Amino acid sequence: MASSAVVRRTEQWFVRQGAPTMIEGYGFRSHVLPRMLPALTFVAVGSLAWLVLLQSTGLSKWLMLGVVAAVTVAAWIVLSLFVRRMPSFSRRTTIVLLVVYAAMPIIVPVLQILVDDGVSTPGVPEIENEWLVLVWFVVFFGLVFVATMLATTYGLGALLKAAIRHVIADLRNSVHLLGRALPPMLFVTLFLFFTGELWQAMNQLPWPRVSLIVLLFAAITVLAAAARLRDEIGRVEQDLRPEILAGACRGTPLAGIEIAEPLQPRRLNGRQLRNLLVMLAIRQLVQAAVVGLALFAFFVVLGLIVVTPKIAEQWIGDTVAMSWIGVPSAMLRNATLFAAFGSMYFSVISMSDAEHRQRFFAPLIEKVERTLEVRAVYLEVRGRVQA
């Protein structure tokens, strides 16, 4: 039986599925900010721990830090329970919350300055150091706000948990995936692993620069996946016959809702299309990460077997930099480089492979189709309730 409670539970179901933008009237004030509140409060209250660490010593330091941690966790739990009811904030409440959060990166450094007259750093004028602390806090709070808003808007947390849960639960397919992915990746990268010039470069290249190379490969993977997956979304069919809708709604709050005739597909806006694109891309990236981890492990094992310290020194032609685990740092950096390249190569190639598309995209496209079918019934029921 259609009711506002059924509509509300269905909206919560969309959030759990990582498709919150399917909620009708989805907006920042009505849906995004309430769900951001626990994370923003955690950061705002937790920032007081920085002040405690600077101003306290000995036992009082750990006691105060424990109190701040307890208050922070308690606030997170209470607000998380409150957010499950999916409240909608008024305009005045929204302004108050945003002003309070925006004031926190200023309040905490000012409190620290008032307590201890600023942080004294040798060789740096006091006023400059105070401004640096203030700027650092403003940038940190701003980045947290933007990241939390994007993750909440598109349900990134739910999508990432679902993708990881799928990989862990479906180990047999993961083994099959690695069995298909590793041979062509090794054919492309194996002989490059034994290139002396590359070992010389990796022996000198610091980890931050290696991380930038990995990020570059990840960016290429995301761009390639976005272009390909957008085409996949365009081919999604919406079959909204009553029997199809009844099967799609099974196991959802809309189970049992009677639909007598086929429904008309509803047009998706840009935010909803991006949400579906993120849903597909995260699964693709998680699979690429699985392949990358397997490649990293393979090259580390291969390096331990083949590349002795004497061989590494001969290739590098200089003192071999050792990692904290007792193996050449160049070997770990090489393994990281080839793992990143291999996962990018696999991700791009697999999207054009018919067999892989059938194995990977078929169940994922079915999930997208089901989401759209449930959305059609949800909009129909919502219209009945409001009529």
Protein backbone atom coordinates (compact mmCIF):
# COMPACT_ATOMS: atom_id res chain seq x y z
CA MET A 1 0.00 0.00 0.00
CA ALA A 2 1.45 3.36 -1.08
CA SER A 3 2.35 5.69 1.78
CA SER A 4 4.84 8.39 2.69
CA ALA A 5 6.66 5.84 4.90
CA VAL A 6 7.21 3.57 1.88
CA VAL A 7 8.53 6.53 -0.10
CA ARG A 8 10.91 7.45 2.71
CA ARG A 9 12.22 3.88 3.09
CA THR A 10 12.75 3.69 -0.67
CA GLU A 11 14.82 6.87 -0.53
CA GLN A 12 16.94 5.28 2.19
CA TRP A 13 17.29 2.21 -0.06
CA PHE A 14 18.66 4.44 -2.84
CA VAL A 15 21.23 5.83 -0.39
CA ARG A 16 22.34 2.32 0.63
CA GLN A 17 22.66 1.33 -3.03
CA GLY A 18 24.97 4.24 -3.73
CA ALA A 19 22.42 6.00 -5.96
CA PRO A 20 21.13 8.84 -3.74
CA THR A 21 20.60 11.17 -6.70
CA MET A 22 17.62 9.03 -7.76
CA ILE A 23 15.67 10.67 -4.93
CA GLU A 24 13.20 13.17 -6.35
CA GLY A 25 14.03 16.74 -5.35
CA TYR A 26 17.56 15.73 -4.34
CA GLY A 27 19.43 18.83 -3.21
CA PHE A 28 22.21 20.09 -1.00
CA ARG A 29 20.08 21.49 1.81
CA SER A 30 17.45 18.75 1.84
CA HIS A 31 19.59 15.63 1.40
CA VAL A 32 23.35 16.23 1.13
CA LEU A 33 24.13 18.48 4.12
CA PRO A 34 22.21 16.36 6.68
CA ARG A 35 24.24 13.29 5.70
CA MET A 36 27.47 15.32 5.72
CA LEU A 37 26.85 16.50 9.27
CA PRO A 38 28.47 13.55 11.16
CA ALA A 39 31.71 13.79 9.14
CA LEU A 40 31.89 17.59 9.42
CA THR A 41 31.25 17.43 13.18
CA PHE A 42 33.92 14.74 13.55
CA VAL A 43 36.49 16.97 11.84
CA ALA A 44 35.43 20.15 13.65
CA VAL A 45 35.42 18.63 17.15
CA GLY A 46 38.43 16.43 16.43
CA SER A 47 40.48 19.49 15.44
CA LEU A 48 40.55 20.37 19.15
CA ALA A 49 42.87 17.38 19.59
CA TRP A 50 45.56 19.41 17.78
CA LEU A 51 45.24 22.12 20.41
CA VAL A 52 45.41 19.56 23.24
CA LEU A 53 48.57 17.99 21.80
CA LEU A 54 50.30 21.38 21.60
CA GLN A 55 49.31 22.79 24.98
CA SER A 56 49.33 19.76 27.30
CA THR A 57 52.12 17.59 28.63
CA GLY A 58 52.42 14.39 30.60
CA LEU A 59 49.34 12.60 31.92
CA SER A 60 47.03 15.60 31.47
CA LYS A 61 47.81 15.56 27.75
CA TRP A 62 46.56 12.00 27.27
CA LEU A 63 43.61 12.55 29.62
CA MET A 64 42.43 15.61 27.68
CA LEU A 65 43.07 13.85 24.38
CA GLY A 66 40.94 10.93 25.55
CA VAL A 67 38.11 13.30 26.51
CA VAL A 68 38.23 14.99 23.10
CA ALA A 69 38.28 11.61 21.32
CA ALA A 70 35.32 10.36 23.39
CA VAL A 71 33.29 13.51 22.68
CA THR A 72 34.12 13.29 18.98
CA VAL A 73 33.08 9.65 18.66
CA ALA A 74 29.92 10.25 20.71
CA ALA A 75 28.97 13.17 18.47
CA TRP A 76 29.58 11.03 15.38
CA ILE A 77 27.35 8.20 16.68
CA VAL A 78 24.50 10.47 17.83
CA LEU A 79 24.45 12.44 14.59
CA SER A 80 24.68 9.26 12.49
CA LEU A 81 21.55 7.92 14.22
CA PHE A 82 19.85 11.27 13.65
CA VAL A 83 20.78 11.31 9.96
CA ARG A 84 19.26 7.85 9.37
CA ARG A 85 15.87 9.55 9.63
CA MET A 86 16.92 11.67 6.62
CA PRO A 87 15.98 15.07 8.08
CA SER A 88 15.63 18.14 5.91
CA PHE A 89 17.26 21.33 7.18
CA SER A 90 15.64 24.73 6.90
CA ARG A 91 17.41 27.62 5.23
CA ARG A 92 18.27 29.20 8.60
CA THR A 93 19.65 25.93 10.01
CA THR A 94 21.75 25.44 6.88
CA ILE A 95 23.27 28.91 7.19
CA VAL A 96 24.03 28.40 10.90
CA LEU A 97 25.74 25.06 10.29
CA LEU A 98 27.85 26.39 7.42
CA VAL A 99 28.88 29.49 9.41
CA VAL A 100 29.88 27.37 12.44
CA TYR A 101 31.92 25.00 10.29
CA ALA A 102 33.57 27.89 8.43
CA ALA A 103 34.48 29.49 11.77
CA MET A 104 36.19 26.39 13.19
CA PRO A 105 39.48 26.73 11.21
CA ILE A 106 39.75 30.24 12.62
CA ILE A 107 38.57 29.50 16.17
CA VAL A 108 41.06 26.70 16.87
CA PRO A 109 44.24 28.62 15.87
CA VAL A 110 42.98 31.72 17.71
CA LEU A 111 42.42 29.63 20.85
CA GLN A 112 45.94 28.24 20.52
CA ILE A 113 47.35 31.76 20.13
CA LEU A 114 45.41 33.06 23.15
CA VAL A 115 46.56 30.18 25.33
CA ASP A 116 50.21 30.28 24.40
CA ASP A 117 50.68 33.60 22.55
CA GLY A 118 51.30 31.75 19.29
CA VAL A 119 53.60 28.92 18.22
CA SER A 120 57.29 29.83 18.47
CA THR A 121 59.37 28.51 15.60
CA PRO A 122 63.14 29.30 15.45
CA GLY A 123 64.00 31.61 12.58
CA VAL A 124 60.36 32.38 11.71
CA PRO A 125 58.62 35.58 12.87
CA GLU A 126 55.77 34.86 15.24
CA ILE A 127 53.08 36.63 13.21
CA GLU A 128 54.08 34.77 10.02
CA ASN A 129 53.88 31.44 11.80
CA GLU A 130 50.41 32.29 13.13
CA TRP A 131 49.24 33.11 9.62
CA LEU A 132 50.67 29.83 8.32
CA VAL A 133 48.73 27.88 10.94
CA LEU A 134 45.55 29.75 10.04
CA VAL A 135 46.00 29.18 6.30
CA TRP A 136 46.73 25.49 6.86
CA PHE A 137 43.54 25.05 8.88
CA VAL A 138 41.41 26.91 6.31
CA VAL A 139 42.78 24.81 3.43
CA PHE A 140 42.34 21.56 5.39
CA PHE A 141 38.74 22.32 6.39
CA GLY A 142 37.94 23.44 2.85
CA LEU A 143 39.30 20.25 1.30
CA VAL A 144 37.43 18.12 3.85
CA PHE A 145 34.18 19.94 3.05
CA VAL A 146 34.55 19.51 -0.73
CA ALA A 147 35.57 15.84 -0.46
CA THR A 148 32.73 15.06 1.96
CA MET A 149 30.20 16.85 -0.25
CA LEU A 150 31.24 14.92 -3.37
CA ALA A 151 31.34 11.58 -1.55
CA THR A 152 27.91 12.20 -0.02
CA THR A 153 26.32 13.54 -3.20
CA TYR A 154 27.23 10.50 -5.26
CA GLY A 155 27.22 7.83 -2.54
CA LEU A 156 30.92 7.01 -2.94
CA GLY A 157 31.16 5.29 0.44
CA ALA A 158 28.31 2.86 -0.29
CA LEU A 159 29.60 2.19 -3.81
CA LEU A 160 33.15 1.52 -2.63
CA LYS A 161 31.99 -0.84 0.13
CA ALA A 162 29.77 -2.70 -2.34
CA ALA A 163 32.62 -3.06 -4.86
CA ILE A 164 35.07 -4.35 -2.22
CA ARG A 165 32.42 -6.69 -0.81
CA HIS A 166 31.80 -8.04 -4.30
CA VAL A 167 35.49 -8.74 -4.88
CA ILE A 168 35.90 -10.48 -1.51
CA ALA A 169 32.70 -12.52 -1.84
CA ASP A 170 33.42 -13.58 -5.41
CA LEU A 171 36.94 -14.94 -5.00
CA ARG A 172 36.45 -17.52 -7.73
CA ASN A 173 35.78 -14.83 -10.32
CA SER A 174 38.71 -12.82 -8.95
CA VAL A 175 41.03 -15.80 -9.51
CA HIS A 176 39.58 -16.20 -12.98
CA LEU A 177 40.12 -12.48 -13.57
CA LEU A 178 43.78 -12.71 -12.52
CA GLY A 179 44.27 -15.82 -14.65
CA ARG A 180 43.10 -13.90 -17.69
CA ALA A 181 44.74 -10.60 -16.85
CA LEU A 182 48.25 -11.52 -15.69
CA PRO A 183 49.64 -13.34 -18.79
CA PRO A 184 49.11 -10.45 -21.25
CA MET A 185 50.28 -7.93 -18.63
CA LEU A 186 53.48 -9.91 -18.03
CA PHE A 187 54.07 -10.23 -21.77
CA VAL A 188 54.07 -6.43 -22.02
CA THR A 189 56.08 -5.63 -18.87
CA LEU A 190 58.25 -8.61 -17.90
CA PHE A 191 61.37 -7.85 -19.96
CA LEU A 192 61.27 -4.16 -19.07
CA PHE A 193 61.63 -5.17 -15.42
CA PHE A 194 65.22 -6.29 -16.10
CA THR A 195 66.30 -3.01 -17.75
CA GLY A 196 69.38 -1.62 -16.03
CA GLU A 197 68.60 2.00 -16.91
CA LEU A 198 65.22 1.69 -15.24
CA TRP A 199 66.81 0.33 -12.06
CA GLN A 200 69.23 3.27 -12.07
CA ALA A 201 66.32 5.73 -12.35
CA MET A 202 64.25 3.98 -9.68
CA ASN A 203 67.23 3.90 -7.29
CA GLN A 204 67.34 7.72 -7.37
CA LEU A 205 63.66 8.53 -7.79
CA PRO A 206 62.00 9.43 -4.45
CA TRP A 207 58.68 7.88 -3.45
CA PRO A 208 56.69 11.14 -3.84
CA ARG A 209 57.61 11.22 -7.53
CA VAL A 210 56.72 7.55 -7.92
CA SER A 211 53.35 8.36 -6.36
CA LEU A 212 52.82 11.10 -8.95
CA ILE A 213 53.47 8.58 -11.74
CA VAL A 214 50.93 6.19 -10.18
CA LEU A 215 48.40 9.04 -9.98
CA LEU A 216 49.05 9.83 -13.66
CA PHE A 217 48.26 6.23 -14.64
CA ALA A 218 45.15 6.32 -12.42
CA ALA A 219 43.99 9.53 -14.11
CA ILE A 220 44.38 7.94 -17.55
CA THR A 221 42.38 4.94 -16.33
CA VAL A 222 39.58 7.17 -15.04
CA LEU A 223 39.42 9.17 -18.28
CA ALA A 224 39.33 6.04 -20.44
CA ALA A 225 36.72 4.41 -18.20
CA ALA A 226 34.57 7.55 -18.20
CA ALA A 227 34.49 7.73 -22.00
CA ARG A 228 33.71 4.03 -22.38
CA LEU A 229 31.23 3.70 -19.54
CA ARG A 230 29.25 6.71 -20.74
CA ASP A 231 28.53 4.72 -23.91
CA GLU A 232 27.47 1.74 -21.77
CA ILE A 233 24.99 3.89 -19.84
CA GLY A 234 23.56 5.14 -23.13
CA ARG A 235 22.76 1.54 -24.09
CA VAL A 236 20.86 0.78 -20.89
CA GLU A 237 17.29 -0.25 -21.70
CA GLN A 238 14.38 0.59 -19.44
CA ASP A 239 11.76 -2.17 -19.74
CA LEU A 240 9.01 -0.90 -17.43
CA ARG A 241 6.36 -3.59 -17.90
CA PRO A 242 4.48 -4.54 -14.70
CA GLU A 243 6.05 -8.01 -14.41
CA ILE A 244 9.56 -6.56 -14.84
CA LEU A 245 8.89 -3.87 -12.26
CA ALA A 246 7.54 -6.42 -9.76
CA GLY A 247 10.75 -8.45 -10.05
CA ALA A 248 12.94 -5.36 -9.72
CA CYS A 249 11.13 -4.20 -6.57
CA ARG A 250 11.45 -7.57 -4.86
CA GLY A 251 13.57 -7.12 -1.74
CA THR A 252 13.00 -3.35 -1.66
CA PRO A 253 10.49 -1.24 0.33
CA LEU A 254 8.36 -1.16 -2.84
CA ALA A 255 7.80 -4.94 -2.84
CA GLY A 256 4.09 -5.64 -3.13
CA ILE A 257 3.20 -2.35 -4.80
CA GLU A 258 0.81 -3.07 -7.65
CA ILE A 259 1.51 -1.53 -11.04
CA ALA A 260 -1.31 -2.27 -13.48
CA GLU A 261 0.21 -0.92 -16.69
CA PRO A 262 3.65 -0.17 -18.14
CA LEU A 263 5.27 3.04 -16.97
CA GLN A 264 7.00 5.60 -19.12
CA PRO A 265 10.77 6.03 -18.69
CA ARG A 266 11.74 9.21 -16.84
CA ARG A 267 14.55 11.35 -18.18
CA LEU A 268 17.70 11.49 -16.05
CA ASN A 269 19.40 14.78 -15.24
CA GLY A 270 23.14 15.36 -15.37
CA ARG A 271 23.73 14.58 -11.69
CA GLN A 272 21.89 11.25 -11.97
CA LEU A 273 23.86 10.27 -15.06
CA ARG A 274 27.10 11.10 -13.24
CA ASN A 275 25.97 8.97 -10.29
CA LEU A 276 25.44 5.96 -12.57
CA LEU A 277 28.78 6.66 -14.21
CA VAL A 278 30.50 6.67 -10.81
CA MET A 279 28.71 3.41 -9.94
CA LEU A 280 30.20 1.72 -13.01
CA ALA A 281 33.63 3.36 -12.72
CA ILE A 282 34.23 2.35 -9.10
CA ARG A 283 33.68 -1.33 -9.89
CA GLN A 284 36.06 -1.01 -12.83
CA LEU A 285 38.71 0.72 -10.73
CA VAL A 286 38.44 -1.82 -7.91
CA GLN A 287 39.02 -4.62 -10.39
CA ALA A 288 42.00 -2.73 -11.80
CA ALA A 289 43.35 -2.38 -8.24
CA VAL A 290 43.08 -6.15 -7.73
CA VAL A 291 45.12 -6.72 -10.89
CA GLY A 292 47.64 -4.08 -9.78
CA LEU A 293 48.16 -5.69 -6.37
CA ALA A 294 48.69 -9.09 -8.02
CA LEU A 295 51.26 -7.61 -10.42
CA PHE A 296 53.07 -5.87 -7.56
CA ALA A 297 53.28 -9.13 -5.60
CA PHE A 298 54.54 -11.01 -8.68
CA PHE A 299 57.32 -8.54 -9.45
CA VAL A 300 58.43 -8.40 -5.81
CA VAL A 301 58.68 -12.19 -5.68
CA LEU A 302 60.43 -12.27 -9.06
CA GLY A 303 62.90 -9.64 -7.88
CA LEU A 304 63.67 -11.53 -4.68
CA ILE A 305 64.38 -14.69 -6.69
CA VAL A 306 66.34 -13.28 -9.63
CA VAL A 307 67.91 -9.97 -8.57
CA THR A 308 70.62 -10.62 -5.99
CA PRO A 309 72.33 -7.68 -4.22
CA LYS A 310 75.36 -8.07 -6.50
CA ILE A 311 73.21 -7.97 -9.66
CA ALA A 312 71.30 -4.95 -8.36
CA GLU A 313 74.58 -3.13 -7.67
CA GLN A 314 75.88 -3.99 -11.14
CA TRP A 315 72.70 -2.69 -12.84
CA ILE A 316 72.55 0.47 -10.77
CA GLY A 317 76.28 1.16 -10.96
CA ASP A 318 76.22 2.87 -7.60
CA THR A 319 75.36 2.23 -3.97
CA VAL A 320 72.07 0.37 -3.74
CA ALA A 321 69.51 2.21 -1.62
CA MET A 322 67.83 -0.29 0.71
CA SER A 323 64.27 -0.09 1.97
CA TRP A 324 63.26 -0.53 5.62
CA ILE A 325 62.31 -4.17 4.93
CA GLY A 326 65.83 -5.01 3.74
CA VAL A 327 65.27 -5.18 -0.04
CA PRO A 328 66.46 -2.71 -2.70
CA SER A 329 64.19 0.32 -2.90
CA ALA A 330 64.57 0.26 -6.69
CA MET A 331 62.89 -3.15 -6.79
CA LEU A 332 59.85 -1.95 -4.83
CA ARG A 333 59.58 1.18 -6.98
CA ASN A 334 59.88 -0.86 -10.17
CA ALA A 335 57.17 -3.24 -8.92
CA THR A 336 54.93 -0.27 -8.08
CA LEU A 337 55.52 1.33 -11.49
CA PHE A 338 54.74 -1.84 -13.44
CA ALA A 339 51.72 -2.64 -11.25
CA ALA A 340 50.26 0.81 -11.97
CA PHE A 341 50.99 0.54 -15.69
CA GLY A 342 49.65 -3.02 -15.87
CA SER A 343 46.39 -2.20 -14.09
CA MET A 344 45.87 0.81 -16.40
CA TYR A 345 46.60 -1.31 -19.48
CA PHE A 346 44.24 -4.05 -18.32
CA SER A 347 41.45 -1.60 -17.49
CA VAL A 348 41.63 0.04 -20.92
CA ILE A 349 41.97 -3.16 -22.92
CA SER A 350 39.32 -5.09 -20.99
CA MET A 351 36.61 -2.58 -21.86
CA SER A 352 36.98 -3.52 -25.53
CA ASP A 353 37.18 -7.27 -24.88
CA ALA A 354 33.84 -8.93 -25.64
CA GLU A 355 34.24 -11.78 -23.13
CA HIS A 356 35.26 -9.51 -20.29
CA ARG A 357 32.43 -7.08 -21.07
CA GLN A 358 29.99 -9.97 -20.90
CA ARG A 359 31.37 -11.19 -17.57
CA PHE A 360 31.80 -7.80 -15.92
CA PHE A 361 29.35 -5.38 -17.50
CA ALA A 362 26.36 -7.70 -17.77
CA PRO A 363 25.67 -7.98 -14.00
CA LEU A 364 26.58 -4.34 -13.45
CA ILE A 365 24.31 -3.12 -16.23
CA GLU A 366 21.56 -5.26 -14.71
CA LYS A 367 22.08 -3.41 -11.42
CA VAL A 368 21.78 -0.06 -13.22
CA GLU A 369 18.62 -1.24 -14.98
CA ARG A 370 17.13 -2.40 -11.69
CA THR A 371 17.92 0.96 -10.09
CA LEU A 372 16.10 2.74 -12.90
CA GLU A 373 13.14 0.35 -12.67
CA VAL A 374 12.83 0.89 -8.91
CA ARG A 375 13.09 4.63 -9.53
CA ALA A 376 10.17 4.48 -11.96
CA VAL A 377 7.98 2.73 -9.38
CA TYR A 378 9.18 5.11 -6.66
CA LEU A 379 8.17 8.14 -8.72
CA GLU A 380 4.79 6.57 -9.43
CA VAL A 381 4.16 5.83 -5.74
CA ARG A 382 5.41 9.28 -4.74
CA GLY A 383 2.96 10.83 -7.19
CA ARG A 384 0.09 8.81 -5.68
CA VAL A 385 1.00 9.90 -2.15
CA GLN A 386 1.19 13.57 -3.08
CA ALA A 387 -2.01 13.47 -5.14
